[in-house]
Amino acid sequence: MVSSSRRKVGDALEEWLTRIEHSIKPSMMQNWRDYAAYYVLPYIGQRDVQDINGAVCDAPIHQAARRRTSQSQAGKEADDAPGSCKTAYP
């Protein structure tokens, strides 16, 4: 029987990136590290690897989509306001 591990996603990701670093271009490695730092680590970096499933991975994507939708809607409302450029000059 395999014992359960309390390994964190951030630790596992760092180990994997270090392991593959020699096999990819430095610019790609930097892109992946930047991506991980911005999109992965803030959301699930401190979570246990064994607790990660599809729903956990999807949550930040859905949150970002909701933010984009609300920002887009706020921009549209501003464009439709009386006196705005889009209203004055359609």
PDB file of N, CA and C in Angstrom:
ATOM      1  N   MET A   1       0.846  -1.173   0.000  1.00  0.00           N
ATOM      2  CA  MET A   1       0.000   0.000   0.000  1.00  0.00           C
ATOM      3  C   MET A   1       0.892   1.236   0.000  1.00  0.00           C
ATOM      4  N   VAL A   2       0.508   2.239  -0.785  1.00  0.00           N
ATOM      5  CA  VAL A   2       1.263   3.486  -0.855  1.00  0.00           C
ATOM      6  C   VAL A   2       0.730   4.439   0.196  1.00  0.00           C
ATOM      7  N   SER A   3       1.640   5.040   0.965  1.00  0.00           N
ATOM      8  CA  SER A   3       1.181   5.991   1.979  1.00  0.00           C
ATOM      9  C   SER A   3       0.804   7.304   1.316  1.00  0.00           C
ATOM     10  N   SER A   4      -0.162   7.992   1.917  1.00  0.00           N
ATOM     11  CA  SER A   4      -0.591   9.262   1.341  1.00  0.00           C
ATOM     12  C   SER A   4       0.477  10.321   1.603  1.00  0.00           C
ATOM     13  N   SER A   5       0.572  11.229   0.672  1.00  0.00           N
ATOM     14  CA  SER A   5       1.555  12.288   0.756  1.00  0.00           C
ATOM     15  C   SER A   5       0.845  13.617   0.946  1.00  0.00           C
ATOM     16  N   ARG A   6       1.450  14.528   1.663  1.00  0.00           N
ATOM     17  CA  ARG A   6       0.884  15.854   1.842  1.00  0.00           C
ATOM     18  C   ARG A   6       1.695  16.839   1.003  1.00  0.00           C
ATOM     19  N   ARG A   7       2.150  16.389  -0.124  1.00  0.00           N
ATOM     20  CA  ARG A   7       2.956  17.205  -1.026  1.00  0.00           C
ATOM     21  C   ARG A   7       2.120  18.336  -1.605  1.00  0.00           C
ATOM     22  N   LYS A   8       2.698  19.521  -1.661  1.00  0.00           N
ATOM     23  CA  LYS A   8       1.995  20.699  -2.164  1.00  0.00           C
ATOM     24  C   LYS A   8       2.172  20.826  -3.671  1.00  0.00           C
ATOM     25  N   VAL A   9       1.170  21.379  -4.329  1.00  0.00           N
ATOM     26  CA  VAL A   9       1.201  21.570  -5.777  1.00  0.00           C
ATOM     27  C   VAL A   9       2.407  22.415  -6.174  1.00  0.00           C
ATOM     28  N   GLY A  10       2.667  23.495  -5.449  1.00  0.00           N
ATOM     29  CA  GLY A  10       3.794  24.361  -5.772  1.00  0.00           C
ATOM     30  C   GLY A  10       5.120  23.622  -5.735  1.00  0.00           C
ATOM     31  N   ASP A  11       5.300  22.759  -4.746  1.00  0.00           N
ATOM     32  CA  ASP A  11       6.534  21.970  -4.644  1.00  0.00           C
ATOM     33  C   ASP A  11       6.653  20.981  -5.798  1.00  0.00           C
ATOM     34  N   ALA A  12       5.561  20.321  -6.121  1.00  0.00           N
ATOM     35  CA  ALA A  12       5.577  19.356  -7.223  1.00  0.00           C
ATOM     36  C   ALA A  12       5.846  20.060  -8.554  1.00  0.00           C
ATOM     37  N   LEU A  13       5.244  21.215  -8.748  1.00  0.00           N
ATOM     38  CA  LEU A  13       5.446  21.979  -9.983  1.00  0.00           C
ATOM     39  C   LEU A  13       6.895  22.428 -10.100  1.00  0.00           C
ATOM     40  N   GLU A  14       7.463  22.929  -9.019  1.00  0.00           N
ATOM     41  CA  GLU A  14       8.862  23.363  -9.044  1.00  0.00           C
ATOM     42  C   GLU A  14       9.800  22.195  -9.338  1.00  0.00           C
ATOM     43  N   GLU A  15       9.527  21.051  -8.736  1.00  0.00           N
ATOM     44  CA  GLU A  15      10.353  19.874  -8.994  1.00  0.00           C
ATOM     45  C   GLU A  15      10.277  19.468 -10.466  1.00  0.00           C
ATOM     46  N   TRP A  16       9.079  19.486 -11.023  1.00  0.00           N
ATOM     47  CA  TRP A  16       8.902  19.111 -12.430  1.00  0.00           C
ATOM     48  C   TRP A  16       9.609  20.105 -13.338  1.00  0.00           C
ATOM     49  N   LEU A  17       9.435  21.401 -13.095  1.00  0.00           N
ATOM     50  CA  LEU A  17      10.099  22.401 -13.925  1.00  0.00           C
ATOM     51  C   LEU A  17      11.620  22.257 -13.869  1.00  0.00           C
ATOM     52  N   THR A  18      12.147  22.008 -12.696  1.00  0.00           N
ATOM     53  CA  THR A  18      13.592  21.818 -12.551  1.00  0.00           C
ATOM     54  C   THR A  18      14.049  20.586 -13.320  1.00  0.00           C
ATOM     55  N   ARG A  19      13.240  19.527 -13.278  1.00  0.00           N
ATOM     56  CA  ARG A  19      13.599  18.278 -13.952  1.00  0.00           C
ATOM     57  C   ARG A  19      13.616  18.430 -15.472  1.00  0.00           C
ATOM     58  N   ILE A  20      12.731  19.249 -16.032  1.00  0.00           N
ATOM     59  CA  ILE A  20      12.668  19.370 -17.494  1.00  0.00           C
ATOM     60  C   ILE A  20      13.461  20.564 -18.031  1.00  0.00           C
ATOM     61  N   GLU A  21      14.000  21.373 -17.154  1.00  0.00           N
ATOM     62  CA  GLU A  21      14.654  22.619 -17.558  1.00  0.00           C
ATOM     63  C   GLU A  21      15.718  22.419 -18.627  1.00  0.00           C
ATOM     64  N   HIS A  22      16.485  21.359 -18.531  1.00  0.00           N
ATOM     65  CA  HIS A  22      17.568  21.112 -19.487  1.00  0.00           C
ATOM     66  C   HIS A  22      17.071  20.734 -20.882  1.00  0.00           C
ATOM     67  N   SER A  23      15.791  20.366 -20.984  1.00  0.00           N
ATOM     68  CA  SER A  23      15.299  19.854 -22.268  1.00  0.00           C
ATOM     69  C   SER A  23      14.478  20.870 -23.065  1.00  0.00           C
ATOM     70  N   ILE A  24      14.312  22.088 -22.549  1.00  0.00           N
ATOM     71  CA  ILE A  24      13.558  23.113 -23.283  1.00  0.00           C
ATOM     72  C   ILE A  24      14.360  24.406 -23.341  1.00  0.00           C
ATOM     73  N   LYS A  25      13.970  25.274 -24.255  1.00  0.00           N
ATOM     74  CA  LYS A  25      14.654  26.551 -24.410  1.00  0.00           C
ATOM     75  C   LYS A  25      14.496  27.402 -23.149  1.00  0.00           C
ATOM     76  N   PRO A  26      15.515  28.188 -22.826  1.00  0.00           N
ATOM     77  CA  PRO A  26      15.419  29.065 -21.649  1.00  0.00           C
ATOM     78  C   PRO A  26      14.205  30.000 -21.702  1.00  0.00           C
ATOM     79  N   SER A  27      13.877  30.502 -22.890  1.00  0.00           N
ATOM     80  CA  SER A  27      12.722  31.405 -22.990  1.00  0.00           C
ATOM     81  C   SER A  27      11.421  30.675 -22.672  1.00  0.00           C
ATOM     82  N   MET A  28      11.313  29.417 -23.096  1.00  0.00           N
ATOM     83  CA  MET A  28      10.113  28.650 -22.788  1.00  0.00           C
ATOM     84  C   MET A  28      10.053  28.339 -21.294  1.00  0.00           C
ATOM     85  N   MET A  29      11.194  28.035 -20.706  1.00  0.00           N
ATOM     86  CA  MET A  29      11.222  27.772 -19.272  1.00  0.00           C
ATOM     87  C   MET A  29      10.749  29.007 -18.511  1.00  0.00           C
ATOM     88  N   GLN A  30      11.220  30.172 -18.918  1.00  0.00           N
ATOM     89  CA  GLN A  30      10.809  31.401 -18.248  1.00  0.00           C
ATOM     90  C   GLN A  30       9.316  31.642 -18.430  1.00  0.00           C
ATOM     91  N   ASN A  31       8.809  31.374 -19.624  1.00  0.00           N
ATOM     92  CA  ASN A  31       7.366  31.518 -19.859  1.00  0.00           C
ATOM     93  C   ASN A  31       6.564  30.599 -18.944  1.00  0.00           C
ATOM     94  N   TRP A  32       7.007  29.358 -18.801  1.00  0.00           N
ATOM     95  CA  TRP A  32       6.292  28.407 -17.950  1.00  0.00           C
ATOM     96  C   TRP A  32       6.358  28.822 -16.494  1.00  0.00           C
ATOM     97  N   ARG A  33       7.512  29.297 -16.061  1.00  0.00           N
ATOM     98  CA  ARG A  33       7.646  29.758 -14.671  1.00  0.00           C
ATOM     99  C   ARG A  33       6.740  30.977 -14.428  1.00  0.00           C
ATOM    100  N   ASP A  34       6.716  31.893 -15.391  1.00  0.00           N
ATOM    101  CA  ASP A  34       5.849  33.064 -15.259  1.00  0.00           C
ATOM    102  C   ASP A  34       4.383  32.651 -15.216  1.00  0.00           C
ATOM    103  N   TYR A  35       4.006  31.742 -16.100  1.00  0.00           N
ATOM    104  CA  TYR A  35       2.637  31.243 -16.139  1.00  0.00           C
ATOM    105  C   TYR A  35       2.264  30.605 -14.800  1.00  0.00           C
ATOM    106  N   ALA A  36       3.147  29.771 -14.292  1.00  0.00           N
ATOM    107  CA  ALA A  36       2.888  29.106 -13.010  1.00  0.00           C
ATOM    108  C   ALA A  36       2.750  30.134 -11.888  1.00  0.00           C
ATOM    109  N   ALA A  37       3.630  31.121 -11.876  1.00  0.00           N
ATOM    110  CA  ALA A  37       3.602  32.136 -10.821  1.00  0.00           C
ATOM    111  C   ALA A  37       2.329  32.970 -10.855  1.00  0.00           C
ATOM    112  N   TYR A  38       1.811  33.217 -12.042  1.00  0.00           N
ATOM    113  CA  TYR A  38       0.644  34.080 -12.172  1.00  0.00           C
ATOM    114  C   TYR A  38      -0.679  33.313 -12.104  1.00  0.00           C
ATOM    115  N   TYR A  39      -0.733  32.157 -12.752  1.00  0.00           N
ATOM    116  CA  TYR A  39      -2.004  31.458 -12.901  1.00  0.00           C
ATOM    117  C   TYR A  39      -2.196  30.242 -12.002  1.00  0.00           C
ATOM    118  N   VAL A  40      -1.125  29.619 -11.570  1.00  0.00           N
ATOM    119  CA  VAL A  40      -1.267  28.366 -10.819  1.00  0.00           C
ATOM    120  C   VAL A  40      -0.999  28.565  -9.330  1.00  0.00           C
ATOM    121  N   LEU A  41       0.173  29.058  -9.006  1.00  0.00           N
ATOM    122  CA  LEU A  41       0.585  29.123  -7.607  1.00  0.00           C
ATOM    123  C   LEU A  41      -0.339  29.955  -6.716  1.00  0.00           C
ATOM    124  N   PRO A  42      -0.817  31.113  -7.169  1.00  0.00           N
ATOM    125  CA  PRO A  42      -1.705  31.876  -6.280  1.00  0.00           C
ATOM    126  C   PRO A  42      -3.016  31.149  -5.955  1.00  0.00           C
ATOM    127  N   TYR A  43      -3.452  30.277  -6.828  1.00  0.00           N
ATOM    128  CA  TYR A  43      -4.737  29.618  -6.648  1.00  0.00           C
ATOM    129  C   TYR A  43      -4.627  28.255  -5.979  1.00  0.00           C
ATOM    130  N   ILE A  44      -3.662  27.455  -6.417  1.00  0.00           N
ATOM    131  CA  ILE A  44      -3.597  26.090  -5.875  1.00  0.00           C
ATOM    132  C   ILE A  44      -2.197  25.691  -5.422  1.00  0.00           C
ATOM    133  N   GLY A  45      -1.259  26.605  -5.398  1.00  0.00           N
ATOM    134  CA  GLY A  45       0.119  26.278  -5.033  1.00  0.00           C
ATOM    135  C   GLY A  45       0.277  25.686  -3.646  1.00  0.00           C
ATOM    136  N   GLN A  46      -0.568  26.102  -2.698  1.00  0.00           N
ATOM    137  CA  GLN A  46      -0.472  25.604  -1.328  1.00  0.00           C
ATOM    138  C   GLN A  46      -1.406  24.427  -1.048  1.00  0.00           C
ATOM    139  N   ARG A  47      -2.126  24.000  -2.055  1.00  0.00           N
ATOM    140  CA  ARG A  47      -3.020  22.856  -1.882  1.00  0.00           C
ATOM    141  C   ARG A  47      -2.226  21.562  -1.954  1.00  0.00           C
ATOM    142  N   ASP A  48      -2.741  20.531  -1.295  1.00  0.00           N
ATOM    143  CA  ASP A  48      -2.130  19.208  -1.393  1.00  0.00           C
ATOM    144  C   ASP A  48      -2.407  18.639  -2.772  1.00  0.00           C
ATOM    145  N   VAL A  49      -1.401  18.020  -3.368  1.00  0.00           N
ATOM    146  CA  VAL A  49      -1.544  17.439  -4.700  1.00  0.00           C
ATOM    147  C   VAL A  49      -2.712  16.466  -4.733  1.00  0.00           C
ATOM    148  N   GLN A  50      -2.857  15.657  -3.710  1.00  0.00           N
ATOM    149  CA  GLN A  50      -3.903  14.628  -3.713  1.00  0.00           C
ATOM    150  C   GLN A  50      -5.311  15.221  -3.667  1.00  0.00           C
ATOM    151  N   ASP A  51      -5.439  16.504  -3.329  1.00  0.00           N
ATOM    152  CA  ASP A  51      -6.754  17.144  -3.270  1.00  0.00           C
ATOM    153  C   ASP A  51      -7.158  17.812  -4.579  1.00  0.00           C
ATOM    154  N   ILE A  52      -6.284  17.784  -5.565  1.00  0.00           N
ATOM    155  CA  ILE A  52      -6.555  18.468  -6.823  1.00  0.00           C
ATOM    156  C   ILE A  52      -7.370  17.566  -7.742  1.00  0.00           C
ATOM    157  N   ASN A  53      -8.440  18.130  -8.278  1.00  0.00           N
ATOM    158  CA  ASN A  53      -9.260  17.420  -9.263  1.00  0.00           C
ATOM    159  C   ASN A  53      -9.681  18.425 -10.329  1.00  0.00           C
ATOM    160  N   GLY A  54     -10.472  18.007 -11.256  1.00  0.00           N
ATOM    161  CA  GLY A  54     -10.877  18.877 -12.351  1.00  0.00           C
ATOM    162  C   GLY A  54     -11.606  20.119 -11.886  1.00  0.00           C
ATOM    163  N   ALA A  55     -12.466  19.990 -10.896  1.00  0.00           N
ATOM    164  CA  ALA A  55     -13.228  21.138 -10.408  1.00  0.00           C
ATOM    165  C   ALA A  55     -12.296  22.192  -9.797  1.00  0.00           C
ATOM    166  N   VAL A  56     -11.287  21.757  -9.078  1.00  0.00           N
ATOM    167  CA  VAL A  56     -10.330  22.689  -8.473  1.00  0.00           C
ATOM    168  C   VAL A  56      -9.566  23.428  -9.566  1.00  0.00           C
ATOM    169  N   CYS A  57      -9.172  22.715 -10.605  1.00  0.00           N
ATOM    170  CA  CYS A  57      -8.434  23.329 -11.710  1.00  0.00           C
ATOM    171  C   CYS A  57      -9.312  24.272 -12.527  1.00  0.00           C
ATOM    172  N   ASP A  58     -10.578  23.968 -12.649  1.00  0.00           N
ATOM    173  CA  ASP A  58     -11.487  24.792 -13.439  1.00  0.00           C
ATOM    174  C   ASP A  58     -11.901  26.084 -12.725  1.00  0.00           C
ATOM    175  N   ALA A  59     -11.888  26.100 -11.409  1.00  0.00           N
ATOM    176  CA  ALA A  59     -12.399  27.246 -10.652  1.00  0.00           C
ATOM    177  C   ALA A  59     -11.738  28.571 -11.041  1.00  0.00           C
ATOM    178  N   PRO A  60     -10.404  28.674 -11.105  1.00  0.00           N
ATOM    179  CA  PRO A  60      -9.810  29.960 -11.493  1.00  0.00           C
ATOM    180  C   PRO A  60     -10.177  30.385 -12.912  1.00  0.00           C
ATOM    181  N   ILE A  61     -10.357  29.435 -13.796  1.00  0.00           N
ATOM    182  CA  ILE A  61     -10.734  29.750 -15.177  1.00  0.00           C
ATOM    183  C   ILE A  61     -12.133  30.367 -15.198  1.00  0.00           C
ATOM    184  N   HIS A  62     -13.051  29.777 -14.438  1.00  0.00           N
ATOM    185  CA  HIS A  62     -14.413  30.299 -14.380  1.00  0.00           C
ATOM    186  C   HIS A  62     -14.446  31.673 -13.705  1.00  0.00           C
ATOM    187  N   GLN A  63     -13.631  31.868 -12.672  1.00  0.00           N
ATOM    188  CA  GLN A  63     -13.568  33.173 -12.006  1.00  0.00           C
ATOM    189  C   GLN A  63     -13.059  34.239 -12.973  1.00  0.00           C
ATOM    190  N   ALA A  64     -12.031  33.931 -13.733  1.00  0.00           N
ATOM    191  CA  ALA A  64     -11.484  34.888 -14.695  1.00  0.00           C
ATOM    192  C   ALA A  64     -12.517  35.219 -15.768  1.00  0.00           C
ATOM    193  N   ALA A  65     -13.259  34.228 -16.223  1.00  0.00           N
ATOM    194  CA  ALA A  65     -14.281  34.462 -17.243  1.00  0.00           C
ATOM    195  C   ALA A  65     -15.384  35.371 -16.694  1.00  0.00           C
ATOM    196  N   ARG A  66     -15.771  35.160 -15.446  1.00  0.00           N
ATOM    197  CA  ARG A  66     -16.791  36.024 -14.835  1.00  0.00           C
ATOM    198  C   ARG A  66     -16.283  37.456 -14.711  1.00  0.00           C
ATOM    199  N   ARG A  67     -14.999  37.619 -14.344  1.00  0.00           N
ATOM    200  CA  ARG A  67     -14.420  38.962 -14.245  1.00  0.00           C
ATOM    201  C   ARG A  67     -14.419  39.647 -15.604  1.00  0.00           C
ATOM    202  N   ARG A  68     -14.016  38.914 -16.641  1.00  0.00           N
ATOM    203  CA  ARG A  68     -13.995  39.499 -17.986  1.00  0.00           C
ATOM    204  C   ARG A  68     -15.391  39.906 -18.421  1.00  0.00           C
ATOM    205  N   THR A  69     -16.373  39.073 -18.128  1.00  0.00           N
ATOM    206  CA  THR A  69     -17.753  39.374 -18.502  1.00  0.00           C
ATOM    207  C   THR A  69     -18.242  40.628 -17.775  1.00  0.00           C
ATOM    208  N   SER A  70     -17.977  40.716 -16.473  1.00  0.00           N
ATOM    209  CA  SER A  70     -18.455  41.884 -15.727  1.00  0.00           C
ATOM    210  C   SER A  70     -17.705  43.143 -16.152  1.00  0.00           C
ATOM    211  N   GLN A  71     -16.409  43.041 -16.462  1.00  0.00           N
ATOM    212  CA  GLN A  71     -15.660  44.198 -16.934  1.00  0.00           C
ATOM    213  C   GLN A  71     -16.165  44.629 -18.306  1.00  0.00           C
ATOM    214  N   SER A  72     -16.444  43.667 -19.157  1.00  0.00           N
ATOM    215  CA  SER A  72     -16.961  43.966 -20.488  1.00  0.00           C
ATOM    216  C   SER A  72     -18.322  44.634 -20.377  1.00  0.00           C
ATOM    217  N   GLN A  73     -19.147  44.134 -19.489  1.00  0.00           N
ATOM    218  CA  GLN A  73     -20.481  44.698 -19.289  1.00  0.00           C
ATOM    219  C   GLN A  73     -20.373  46.119 -18.747  1.00  0.00           C
ATOM    220  N   ALA A  74     -19.447  46.366 -17.831  1.00  0.00           N
ATOM    221  CA  ALA A  74     -19.256  47.705 -17.277  1.00  0.00           C
ATOM    222  C   ALA A  74     -18.785  48.660 -18.366  1.00  0.00           C
ATOM    223  N   GLY A  75     -17.924  48.209 -19.252  1.00  0.00           N
ATOM    224  CA  GLY A  75     -17.451  49.033 -20.363  1.00  0.00           C
ATOM    225  C   GLY A  75     -18.562  49.354 -21.328  1.00  0.00           C
ATOM    226  N   LYS A  76     -19.432  48.371 -21.581  1.00  0.00           N
ATOM    227  CA  LYS A  76     -20.563  48.592 -22.491  1.00  0.00           C
ATOM    228  C   LYS A  76     -21.517  49.610 -21.900  1.00  0.00           C
ATOM    229  N   GLU A  77     -21.784  49.511 -20.596  1.00  0.00           N
ATOM    230  CA  GLU A  77     -22.679  50.464 -19.949  1.00  0.00           C
ATOM    231  C   GLU A  77     -22.105  51.876 -20.029  1.00  0.00           C
ATOM    232  N   ALA A  78     -20.796  52.009 -19.877  1.00  0.00           N
ATOM    233  CA  ALA A  78     -20.161  53.324 -19.976  1.00  0.00           C
ATOM    234  C   ALA A  78     -20.270  53.860 -21.406  1.00  0.00           C
ATOM    235  N   ASP A  79     -20.137  52.987 -22.387  1.00  0.00           N
ATOM    236  CA  ASP A  79     -20.250  53.404 -23.792  1.00  0.00           C
ATOM    237  C   ASP A  79     -21.666  53.863 -24.130  1.00  0.00           C
ATOM    238  N   ASP A  80     -22.671  53.282 -23.470  1.00  0.00           N
ATOM    239  CA  ASP A  80     -24.055  53.602 -23.744  1.00  0.00           C
ATOM    240  C   ASP A  80     -24.559  54.804 -22.947  1.00  0.00           C
ATOM    241  N   ALA A  81     -23.732  55.335 -22.052  1.00  0.00           N
ATOM    242  CA  ALA A  81     -24.152  56.453 -21.207  1.00  0.00           C
ATOM    243  C   ALA A  81     -24.345  57.706 -22.075  1.00  0.00           C
ATOM    244  N   PRO A  82     -25.319  58.541 -21.716  1.00  0.00           N
ATOM    245  CA  PRO A  82     -25.534  59.775 -22.468  1.00  0.00           C
ATOM    246  C   PRO A  82     -24.250  60.617 -22.482  1.00  0.00           C
ATOM    247  N   GLY A  83     -23.919  61.136 -23.638  1.00  0.00           N
ATOM    248  CA  GLY A  83     -22.730  61.971 -23.757  1.00  0.00           C
ATOM    249  C   GLY A  83     -21.453  61.219 -24.048  1.00  0.00           C
ATOM    250  N   SER A  84     -21.510  59.866 -24.050  1.00  0.00           N
ATOM    251  CA  SER A  84     -20.293  59.116 -24.357  1.00  0.00           C
ATOM    252  C   SER A  84     -20.024  59.195 -25.852  1.00  0.00           C
ATOM    253  N   CYS A  85     -18.801  58.924 -26.234  1.00  0.00           N
ATOM    254  CA  CYS A  85     -18.424  58.989 -27.649  1.00  0.00           C
ATOM    255  C   CYS A  85     -19.244  58.029 -28.499  1.00  0.00           C
ATOM    256  N   LYS A  86     -19.489  56.843 -28.006  1.00  0.00           N
ATOM    257  CA  LYS A  86     -20.245  55.872 -28.800  1.00  0.00           C
ATOM    258  C   LYS A  86     -21.696  56.302 -28.964  1.00  0.00           C
ATOM    259  N   THR A  87     -22.261  56.991 -27.959  1.00  0.00           N
ATOM    260  CA  THR A  87     -23.630  57.461 -28.069  1.00  0.00           C
ATOM    261  C   THR A  87     -23.690  58.674 -29.000  1.00  0.00           C
ATOM    262  N   ALA A  88     -22.729  59.574 -28.833  1.00  0.00           N
ATOM    263  CA  ALA A  88     -22.732  60.802 -29.641  1.00  0.00           C
ATOM    264  C   ALA A  88     -22.333  60.527 -31.087  1.00  0.00           C
ATOM    265  N   TYR A  89     -21.412  59.578 -31.295  1.00  0.00           N
ATOM    266  CA  TYR A  89     -20.903  59.284 -32.636  1.00  0.00           C
ATOM    267  C   TYR A  89     -20.980  57.792 -32.898  1.00  0.00           C
ATOM    268  N   PRO A  90     -22.135  57.274 -33.228  1.00  0.00           N
ATOM    269  CA  PRO A  90     -22.280  55.815 -33.402  1.00  0.00           C
ATOM    270  C   PRO A  90     -21.480  55.274 -34.558  1.00  0.00           C
TER     271      PRO A  90
END
